[in-house]
Each structure stands twice: as C-alpha cells, then as structure tokens.
Amino acid sequence: MSSTTANSTPSVAMPNPSPDWSAANPAFPSFQLNGIDDTPGPKAYFIQLQAKQGKEHLLASFLRDINDGVNQEPGTGPWFALRYSQYTFAIFEAFPGAEARHAHDAGPGGQNFSRNEFLKDVLAEPAQIYRLDVMHGKFDTMFGNKVAPVEKW
C-alpha cells in the first residue's frame, strides 16, 4: 500500500505486524520478512520484536544468544540489540553485501530465528524483519571512541 506526501512523492507504508500470527510464512512462522534483497551494496536488517507480558526477560536472553552467534560471523557487524520499551525490542545489524547477509541467515546468529516454538511462546506477534540498503554511515567512532579505520565500499 502506498500513499502520497505533500509534494506528491509516492511513499511505501511499513508493513503492519500480524498479532494473530496469520500472516507468518508457514516455513518460518516466527517472523515476517519485508523488503527486497540481492541488490548491490552494503546491507542491513532492522528487526522489531514485541515480547509477551512477563516474557521480556526471555526475549532479552534470546538477544544475548544471537549476540553470541554473530560474534562468530566475520561478515556481520556492527550488530546491536536494542530496547525501546518494556516489551519492545529490536536488532540492527549490518553486512558488507547480500552474500554476507545470507551467510548470517544460515549462521549461528541468524539460525536463532528457527527456534519457532520458543519464539511463539515469547513473542506477542511474529518478529518484523526489514531488509535495508545502507546508503551512508559514520564508521570511525563507536560510543564516542575512535575505532580502527574501515575501508569504505
């Protein structure tokens, strides 16, 4: 569904989560995947996760499990687990290209999303995974500290 802004530029609405799990892919019922893939250039995921009441500690633990996995993935990073509110969490992760993002999907970090029964118990709705193209970035500073130079793409 698209809308038009004040200057008549078409915009694309973000997908709406399905709280009853009805829109989930039967092969991957714990998440909904949105966006395009395999275009040239650096990539990212933004993943929104909504915990069920009383399960937020389990979702926080799940994010630590993913972090342990991505620490083994040379093509994944930066990677951040985020908390927006008591029940709303997110992940932002970046990759040098689609190939590295696919390796992450099959790797020790990304495979945590195949824990379907656990995720259905912990999440209020399927995780919303947004595929993103990285357009620009600042790469020499992390939390106010200079880091080693990064080769630009």
N, C-alpha and C. Protein backbone atom coordinates (compact mmCIF):
# COMPACT_ATOMS: atom_id res chain seq x y z
N MET A 1 0.84 -1.16 0.00
CA MET A 1 0.00 0.00 0.00
C MET A 1 0.89 1.22 0.00
N SER A 2 0.62 2.19 -0.83
CA SER A 2 1.41 3.40 -0.85
C SER A 2 0.50 4.60 -0.62
N SER A 3 1.13 5.69 -0.23
CA SER A 3 0.41 6.94 -0.04
C SER A 3 1.17 8.04 -0.74
N THR A 4 0.63 9.24 -0.75
CA THR A 4 1.29 10.36 -1.39
C THR A 4 1.54 11.43 -0.35
N THR A 5 2.76 11.98 -0.32
CA THR A 5 3.09 13.03 0.62
C THR A 5 2.70 14.38 0.03
N ALA A 6 2.93 15.45 0.80
CA ALA A 6 2.51 16.79 0.40
C ALA A 6 3.08 17.20 -0.95
N ASN A 7 4.28 16.74 -1.29
CA ASN A 7 4.87 17.11 -2.57
C ASN A 7 4.60 16.07 -3.65
N SER A 8 3.60 15.24 -3.45
CA SER A 8 3.15 14.22 -4.41
C SER A 8 4.17 13.13 -4.68
N THR A 9 5.09 12.92 -3.75
CA THR A 9 6.05 11.83 -3.88
C THR A 9 5.43 10.57 -3.31
N PRO A 10 5.36 9.48 -4.10
CA PRO A 10 4.80 8.25 -3.54
C PRO A 10 5.67 7.72 -2.41
N SER A 11 5.04 7.19 -1.39
CA SER A 11 5.77 6.57 -0.30
C SER A 11 5.18 5.19 -0.06
N VAL A 12 5.98 4.33 0.53
CA VAL A 12 5.55 2.97 0.81
C VAL A 12 5.32 2.85 2.31
N ALA A 13 4.15 2.40 2.69
CA ALA A 13 3.84 2.21 4.10
C ALA A 13 4.59 0.99 4.63
N MET A 14 5.02 1.07 5.88
CA MET A 14 5.67 -0.08 6.50
C MET A 14 4.61 -1.15 6.75
N PRO A 15 4.98 -2.41 6.66
CA PRO A 15 4.02 -3.49 6.91
C PRO A 15 3.50 -3.44 8.34
N ASN A 16 2.30 -3.86 8.52
CA ASN A 16 1.71 -3.95 9.86
C ASN A 16 1.92 -5.35 10.41
N PRO A 17 2.35 -5.44 11.68
CA PRO A 17 2.50 -6.77 12.27
C PRO A 17 1.16 -7.49 12.34
N SER A 18 1.23 -8.80 12.34
CA SER A 18 0.03 -9.62 12.46
C SER A 18 0.01 -10.26 13.84
N PRO A 19 -0.73 -9.66 14.80
CA PRO A 19 -0.70 -10.20 16.15
C PRO A 19 -1.26 -11.61 16.29
N ASP A 20 -2.04 -12.07 15.33
CA ASP A 20 -2.59 -13.42 15.44
C ASP A 20 -1.75 -14.46 14.69
N TRP A 21 -0.60 -14.08 14.20
CA TRP A 21 0.34 -14.95 13.52
C TRP A 21 -0.18 -15.44 12.17
N SER A 22 -1.30 -14.94 11.69
CA SER A 22 -1.90 -15.45 10.46
C SER A 22 -1.11 -15.11 9.21
N ALA A 23 -0.34 -14.03 9.23
CA ALA A 23 0.41 -13.63 8.03
C ALA A 23 1.80 -14.24 7.99
N ALA A 24 2.17 -15.01 9.00
CA ALA A 24 3.50 -15.61 9.04
C ALA A 24 3.64 -16.68 7.96
N ASN A 25 4.84 -16.78 7.41
CA ASN A 25 5.16 -17.81 6.44
C ASN A 25 5.20 -19.16 7.17
N PRO A 26 4.45 -20.16 6.70
CA PRO A 26 4.46 -21.46 7.40
C PRO A 26 5.85 -22.07 7.55
N ALA A 27 6.74 -21.78 6.60
CA ALA A 27 8.10 -22.31 6.70
C ALA A 27 8.90 -21.60 7.80
N PHE A 28 8.56 -20.34 8.08
CA PHE A 28 9.25 -19.53 9.09
C PHE A 28 8.20 -18.79 9.91
N PRO A 29 7.45 -19.49 10.74
CA PRO A 29 6.31 -18.87 11.41
C PRO A 29 6.66 -17.84 12.47
N SER A 30 7.92 -17.74 12.87
CA SER A 30 8.25 -16.81 13.94
C SER A 30 8.59 -15.40 13.45
N PHE A 31 8.60 -15.18 12.13
CA PHE A 31 8.90 -13.83 11.64
C PHE A 31 8.24 -13.57 10.30
N GLN A 32 8.13 -12.27 9.99
CA GLN A 32 7.68 -11.81 8.68
C GLN A 32 8.83 -11.04 8.06
N LEU A 33 9.20 -11.38 6.84
CA LEU A 33 10.32 -10.77 6.14
C LEU A 33 9.80 -9.74 5.16
N ASN A 34 10.33 -8.53 5.22
CA ASN A 34 9.88 -7.42 4.39
C ASN A 34 11.06 -6.80 3.66
N GLY A 35 10.85 -6.33 2.44
CA GLY A 35 11.88 -5.63 1.69
C GLY A 35 12.50 -6.50 0.62
N ILE A 36 13.35 -5.88 -0.18
CA ILE A 36 13.99 -6.57 -1.29
C ILE A 36 15.38 -7.04 -0.90
N ASP A 37 15.94 -7.93 -1.69
CA ASP A 37 17.25 -8.50 -1.40
C ASP A 37 18.06 -8.57 -2.68
N ASP A 38 19.34 -8.82 -2.53
CA ASP A 38 20.26 -9.08 -3.63
C ASP A 38 20.51 -7.90 -4.55
N THR A 39 20.29 -6.67 -4.08
CA THR A 39 20.74 -5.50 -4.82
C THR A 39 22.18 -5.23 -4.43
N PRO A 40 22.96 -4.55 -5.28
CA PRO A 40 24.37 -4.30 -4.94
C PRO A 40 24.51 -3.37 -3.72
N GLY A 41 25.63 -3.52 -3.02
CA GLY A 41 25.96 -2.60 -1.94
C GLY A 41 25.76 -3.17 -0.56
N PRO A 42 26.17 -2.40 0.46
CA PRO A 42 26.05 -2.83 1.84
C PRO A 42 24.59 -3.00 2.25
N LYS A 43 24.36 -3.92 3.17
CA LYS A 43 23.01 -4.30 3.59
C LYS A 43 22.87 -4.18 5.11
N ALA A 44 21.62 -4.21 5.56
CA ALA A 44 21.33 -4.23 6.99
C ALA A 44 19.98 -4.91 7.20
N TYR A 45 19.76 -5.31 8.43
CA TYR A 45 18.44 -5.73 8.89
C TYR A 45 18.06 -4.80 10.04
N PHE A 46 16.79 -4.44 10.09
CA PHE A 46 16.19 -3.87 11.30
C PHE A 46 15.08 -4.84 11.67
N ILE A 47 15.15 -5.37 12.87
CA ILE A 47 14.22 -6.40 13.31
C ILE A 47 13.49 -5.90 14.55
N GLN A 48 12.17 -5.85 14.47
CA GLN A 48 11.35 -5.41 15.60
C GLN A 48 10.74 -6.64 16.27
N LEU A 49 10.86 -6.69 17.60
CA LEU A 49 10.38 -7.82 18.39
C LEU A 49 9.52 -7.30 19.54
N GLN A 50 8.34 -7.86 19.68
CA GLN A 50 7.41 -7.45 20.74
C GLN A 50 7.21 -8.63 21.68
N ALA A 51 7.67 -8.48 22.92
CA ALA A 51 7.56 -9.56 23.91
C ALA A 51 6.15 -9.63 24.49
N LYS A 52 5.74 -10.85 24.82
CA LYS A 52 4.52 -11.02 25.60
C LYS A 52 4.79 -10.52 27.02
N GLN A 53 3.74 -10.05 27.68
CA GLN A 53 3.87 -9.60 29.06
C GLN A 53 4.41 -10.74 29.91
N GLY A 54 5.43 -10.44 30.70
CA GLY A 54 6.05 -11.44 31.56
C GLY A 54 7.13 -12.26 30.88
N LYS A 55 7.33 -12.08 29.57
CA LYS A 55 8.33 -12.87 28.82
C LYS A 55 9.51 -12.01 28.37
N GLU A 56 9.54 -10.74 28.77
CA GLU A 56 10.58 -9.84 28.29
C GLU A 56 11.98 -10.30 28.70
N HIS A 57 12.13 -10.92 29.87
CA HIS A 57 13.44 -11.43 30.27
C HIS A 57 13.89 -12.57 29.35
N LEU A 58 12.96 -13.37 28.86
CA LEU A 58 13.31 -14.45 27.93
C LEU A 58 13.72 -13.88 26.57
N LEU A 59 13.07 -12.81 26.15
CA LEU A 59 13.45 -12.18 24.88
C LEU A 59 14.83 -11.54 25.01
N ALA A 60 15.12 -10.91 26.15
CA ALA A 60 16.45 -10.34 26.36
C ALA A 60 17.51 -11.43 26.32
N SER A 61 17.23 -12.59 26.88
CA SER A 61 18.15 -13.72 26.84
C SER A 61 18.33 -14.23 25.40
N PHE A 62 17.25 -14.27 24.64
CA PHE A 62 17.30 -14.65 23.22
C PHE A 62 18.24 -13.72 22.45
N LEU A 63 18.17 -12.42 22.74
CA LEU A 63 19.06 -11.47 22.07
C LEU A 63 20.52 -11.72 22.43
N ARG A 64 20.79 -12.11 23.68
CA ARG A 64 22.17 -12.47 24.06
C ARG A 64 22.63 -13.71 23.28
N ASP A 65 21.73 -14.68 23.08
CA ASP A 65 22.08 -15.86 22.29
C ASP A 65 22.46 -15.47 20.86
N ILE A 66 21.69 -14.56 20.28
CA ILE A 66 22.02 -14.10 18.93
C ILE A 66 23.36 -13.40 18.93
N ASN A 67 23.61 -12.55 19.93
CA ASN A 67 24.90 -11.85 20.02
C ASN A 67 26.05 -12.83 20.08
N ASP A 68 25.91 -13.88 20.87
CA ASP A 68 26.96 -14.91 20.93
C ASP A 68 27.20 -15.52 19.55
N GLY A 69 26.13 -15.73 18.79
CA GLY A 69 26.28 -16.29 17.45
C GLY A 69 26.94 -15.34 16.48
N VAL A 70 26.50 -14.07 16.47
CA VAL A 70 27.08 -13.13 15.50
C VAL A 70 28.53 -12.83 15.81
N ASN A 71 28.96 -13.03 17.06
CA ASN A 71 30.38 -12.87 17.37
C ASN A 71 31.24 -13.87 16.61
N GLN A 72 30.65 -14.94 16.09
CA GLN A 72 31.36 -15.94 15.30
C GLN A 72 31.26 -15.69 13.80
N GLU A 73 30.56 -14.64 13.40
CA GLU A 73 30.31 -14.36 11.98
C GLU A 73 31.14 -13.17 11.51
N PRO A 74 32.21 -13.40 10.74
CA PRO A 74 33.07 -12.30 10.33
C PRO A 74 32.39 -11.27 9.44
N GLY A 75 31.34 -11.63 8.72
CA GLY A 75 30.67 -10.69 7.82
C GLY A 75 29.52 -9.94 8.45
N THR A 76 29.27 -10.14 9.75
CA THR A 76 28.17 -9.46 10.43
C THR A 76 28.73 -8.40 11.35
N GLY A 77 28.28 -7.17 11.20
CA GLY A 77 28.66 -6.09 12.10
C GLY A 77 28.72 -4.77 11.38
N PRO A 78 28.36 -3.74 12.10
CA PRO A 78 28.02 -3.73 13.51
C PRO A 78 26.71 -4.45 13.78
N TRP A 79 26.54 -4.84 15.04
CA TRP A 79 25.33 -5.53 15.48
C TRP A 79 24.91 -4.93 16.82
N PHE A 80 23.65 -4.59 16.94
CA PHE A 80 23.12 -4.02 18.18
C PHE A 80 21.80 -4.68 18.55
N ALA A 81 21.66 -5.05 19.82
CA ALA A 81 20.35 -5.40 20.39
C ALA A 81 19.86 -4.13 21.09
N LEU A 82 18.60 -3.79 20.87
CA LEU A 82 18.05 -2.53 21.37
C LEU A 82 16.78 -2.80 22.17
N ARG A 83 16.53 -1.92 23.13
CA ARG A 83 15.27 -1.98 23.88
C ARG A 83 14.62 -0.61 23.80
N TYR A 84 13.39 -0.59 23.30
CA TYR A 84 12.65 0.65 23.12
C TYR A 84 11.70 0.90 24.29
N SER A 85 11.09 -0.12 24.81
CA SER A 85 10.16 -0.01 25.94
C SER A 85 10.19 -1.33 26.71
N GLN A 86 9.32 -1.47 27.68
CA GLN A 86 9.32 -2.69 28.50
C GLN A 86 9.17 -3.94 27.64
N TYR A 87 8.35 -3.87 26.59
CA TYR A 87 8.05 -5.05 25.79
C TYR A 87 8.58 -4.99 24.36
N THR A 88 9.08 -3.84 23.92
CA THR A 88 9.51 -3.67 22.54
C THR A 88 11.02 -3.67 22.45
N PHE A 89 11.54 -4.60 21.66
CA PHE A 89 12.97 -4.77 21.45
C PHE A 89 13.25 -4.69 19.95
N ALA A 90 14.53 -4.56 19.60
CA ALA A 90 14.89 -4.52 18.18
C ALA A 90 16.33 -4.98 18.03
N ILE A 91 16.67 -5.29 16.79
CA ILE A 91 18.04 -5.61 16.40
C ILE A 91 18.36 -4.75 15.19
N PHE A 92 19.55 -4.16 15.19
CA PHE A 92 20.09 -3.54 13.98
C PHE A 92 21.39 -4.25 13.70
N GLU A 93 21.54 -4.74 12.48
CA GLU A 93 22.77 -5.43 12.09
C GLU A 93 23.09 -5.09 10.65
N ALA A 94 24.38 -4.96 10.36
CA ALA A 94 24.81 -4.56 9.02
C ALA A 94 25.78 -5.57 8.44
N PHE A 95 25.86 -5.55 7.11
CA PHE A 95 26.65 -6.53 6.35
C PHE A 95 27.29 -5.83 5.16
N PRO A 96 28.46 -6.29 4.70
CA PRO A 96 29.08 -5.66 3.53
C PRO A 96 28.32 -5.89 2.23
N GLY A 97 27.44 -6.87 2.18
CA GLY A 97 26.65 -7.15 0.98
C GLY A 97 25.65 -8.25 1.24
N ALA A 98 24.86 -8.56 0.20
CA ALA A 98 23.81 -9.58 0.33
C ALA A 98 24.39 -10.95 0.66
N GLU A 99 25.57 -11.27 0.12
CA GLU A 99 26.18 -12.58 0.39
C GLU A 99 26.46 -12.76 1.88
N ALA A 100 26.99 -11.71 2.52
CA ALA A 100 27.26 -11.79 3.97
C ALA A 100 25.96 -11.87 4.76
N ARG A 101 24.91 -11.18 4.28
CA ARG A 101 23.62 -11.26 4.97
C ARG A 101 23.06 -12.67 4.87
N HIS A 102 23.20 -13.31 3.69
CA HIS A 102 22.74 -14.69 3.54
C HIS A 102 23.55 -15.64 4.43
N ALA A 103 24.87 -15.39 4.54
CA ALA A 103 25.70 -16.22 5.42
C ALA A 103 25.25 -16.07 6.87
N HIS A 104 24.88 -14.86 7.26
CA HIS A 104 24.36 -14.64 8.61
C HIS A 104 23.05 -15.41 8.82
N ASP A 105 22.17 -15.37 7.84
CA ASP A 105 20.89 -16.08 7.95
C ASP A 105 21.11 -17.56 8.25
N ALA A 106 22.13 -18.15 7.63
CA ALA A 106 22.43 -19.57 7.80
C ALA A 106 23.40 -19.83 8.94
N GLY A 107 23.95 -18.76 9.52
CA GLY A 107 24.99 -18.89 10.54
C GLY A 107 24.45 -18.98 11.96
N PRO A 108 25.37 -19.00 12.93
CA PRO A 108 24.98 -19.20 14.33
C PRO A 108 24.12 -18.08 14.91
N GLY A 109 24.21 -16.87 14.39
CA GLY A 109 23.35 -15.79 14.88
C GLY A 109 21.96 -15.88 14.29
N GLY A 110 21.89 -15.90 12.98
CA GLY A 110 20.60 -15.90 12.28
C GLY A 110 19.77 -17.14 12.53
N GLN A 111 20.41 -18.26 12.79
CA GLN A 111 19.66 -19.51 12.99
C GLN A 111 18.83 -19.50 14.27
N ASN A 112 19.07 -18.54 15.15
CA ASN A 112 18.22 -18.43 16.34
C ASN A 112 16.76 -18.20 15.98
N PHE A 113 16.51 -17.61 14.80
CA PHE A 113 15.13 -17.36 14.39
C PHE A 113 14.42 -18.63 13.92
N SER A 114 15.12 -19.77 13.90
CA SER A 114 14.46 -21.03 13.59
C SER A 114 13.91 -21.70 14.86
N ARG A 115 14.07 -21.06 16.00
CA ARG A 115 13.55 -21.58 17.27
C ARG A 115 12.06 -21.20 17.38
N ASN A 116 11.27 -21.75 16.47
CA ASN A 116 9.88 -21.31 16.29
C ASN A 116 9.01 -21.48 17.53
N GLU A 117 9.07 -22.62 18.19
CA GLU A 117 8.20 -22.84 19.36
C GLU A 117 8.55 -21.87 20.48
N PHE A 118 9.85 -21.68 20.71
CA PHE A 118 10.28 -20.72 21.73
C PHE A 118 9.78 -19.32 21.39
N LEU A 119 9.96 -18.90 20.14
CA LEU A 119 9.56 -17.55 19.75
C LEU A 119 8.04 -17.37 19.82
N LYS A 120 7.28 -18.38 19.46
CA LYS A 120 5.82 -18.27 19.59
C LYS A 120 5.41 -18.14 21.06
N ASP A 121 6.18 -18.72 21.95
CA ASP A 121 5.89 -18.61 23.38
C ASP A 121 6.26 -17.23 23.93
N VAL A 122 7.31 -16.62 23.39
CA VAL A 122 7.87 -15.38 23.94
C VAL A 122 7.33 -14.13 23.24
N LEU A 123 7.11 -14.20 21.93
CA LEU A 123 6.72 -13.01 21.17
C LEU A 123 5.20 -12.84 21.14
N ALA A 124 4.77 -11.59 21.22
CA ALA A 124 3.34 -11.27 21.12
C ALA A 124 2.86 -11.35 19.68
N GLU A 125 3.77 -11.24 18.73
CA GLU A 125 3.46 -11.28 17.29
C GLU A 125 4.74 -11.70 16.57
N PRO A 126 4.64 -12.15 15.33
CA PRO A 126 5.86 -12.52 14.61
C PRO A 126 6.83 -11.35 14.55
N ALA A 127 8.12 -11.64 14.66
CA ALA A 127 9.14 -10.60 14.51
C ALA A 127 9.01 -9.99 13.12
N GLN A 128 9.21 -8.68 13.04
CA GLN A 128 9.18 -7.98 11.76
C GLN A 128 10.62 -7.74 11.33
N ILE A 129 11.03 -8.39 10.24
CA ILE A 129 12.40 -8.26 9.74
C ILE A 129 12.35 -7.40 8.49
N TYR A 130 13.06 -6.28 8.53
CA TYR A 130 13.11 -5.35 7.40
C TYR A 130 14.50 -5.42 6.77
N ARG A 131 14.54 -5.76 5.49
CA ARG A 131 15.79 -5.74 4.73
C ARG A 131 16.04 -4.29 4.32
N LEU A 132 17.26 -3.81 4.54
CA LEU A 132 17.61 -2.43 4.23
C LEU A 132 18.86 -2.36 3.38
N ASP A 133 18.95 -1.33 2.55
CA ASP A 133 20.18 -0.96 1.86
C ASP A 133 20.84 0.14 2.68
N VAL A 134 22.13 0.01 2.99
CA VAL A 134 22.86 1.04 3.71
C VAL A 134 23.35 2.06 2.69
N MET A 135 22.97 3.30 2.88
CA MET A 135 23.32 4.35 1.93
C MET A 135 24.58 5.11 2.35
N HIS A 136 24.70 5.47 3.62
CA HIS A 136 25.83 6.23 4.14
C HIS A 136 26.05 5.81 5.58
N GLY A 137 27.21 6.14 6.13
CA GLY A 137 27.44 5.82 7.53
C GLY A 137 28.68 6.48 8.07
N LYS A 138 28.77 6.55 9.37
CA LYS A 138 29.96 7.01 10.08
C LYS A 138 30.56 5.76 10.73
N PHE A 139 31.78 5.45 10.37
CA PHE A 139 32.34 4.16 10.75
C PHE A 139 33.55 4.25 11.68
N ASP A 140 34.03 5.46 11.98
CA ASP A 140 35.28 5.55 12.75
C ASP A 140 35.07 5.81 14.23
N THR A 141 33.83 5.84 14.69
CA THR A 141 33.55 6.11 16.09
C THR A 141 32.48 5.14 16.60
N MET A 142 32.72 4.59 17.78
CA MET A 142 31.74 3.69 18.40
C MET A 142 31.60 4.13 19.86
N PHE A 143 30.42 4.59 20.23
CA PHE A 143 30.13 5.05 21.59
C PHE A 143 31.14 6.09 22.06
N GLY A 144 31.48 7.03 21.17
CA GLY A 144 32.37 8.13 21.50
C GLY A 144 33.84 7.82 21.39
N ASN A 145 34.20 6.60 21.05
CA ASN A 145 35.60 6.21 20.93
C ASN A 145 35.96 5.95 19.48
N LYS A 146 37.13 6.44 19.08
CA LYS A 146 37.61 6.17 17.73
C LYS A 146 37.95 4.69 17.61
N VAL A 147 37.65 4.13 16.46
CA VAL A 147 37.97 2.73 16.19
C VAL A 147 38.87 2.67 14.96
N ALA A 148 39.40 1.50 14.69
CA ALA A 148 40.29 1.32 13.54
C ALA A 148 39.58 1.75 12.26
N PRO A 149 40.32 2.33 11.33
CA PRO A 149 39.70 2.75 10.07
C PRO A 149 39.03 1.57 9.36
N VAL A 150 37.93 1.87 8.72
CA VAL A 150 37.18 0.87 7.97
C VAL A 150 37.24 1.25 6.51
N GLU A 151 37.53 0.26 5.67
CA GLU A 151 37.56 0.51 4.23
C GLU A 151 36.14 0.77 3.75
N LYS A 152 35.95 1.89 3.05
CA LYS A 152 34.62 2.20 2.51
C LYS A 152 34.36 1.33 1.30
N TRP A 153 33.10 1.07 1.03
CA TRP A 153 32.72 0.22 -0.08
C TRP A 153 32.77 0.95 -1.36
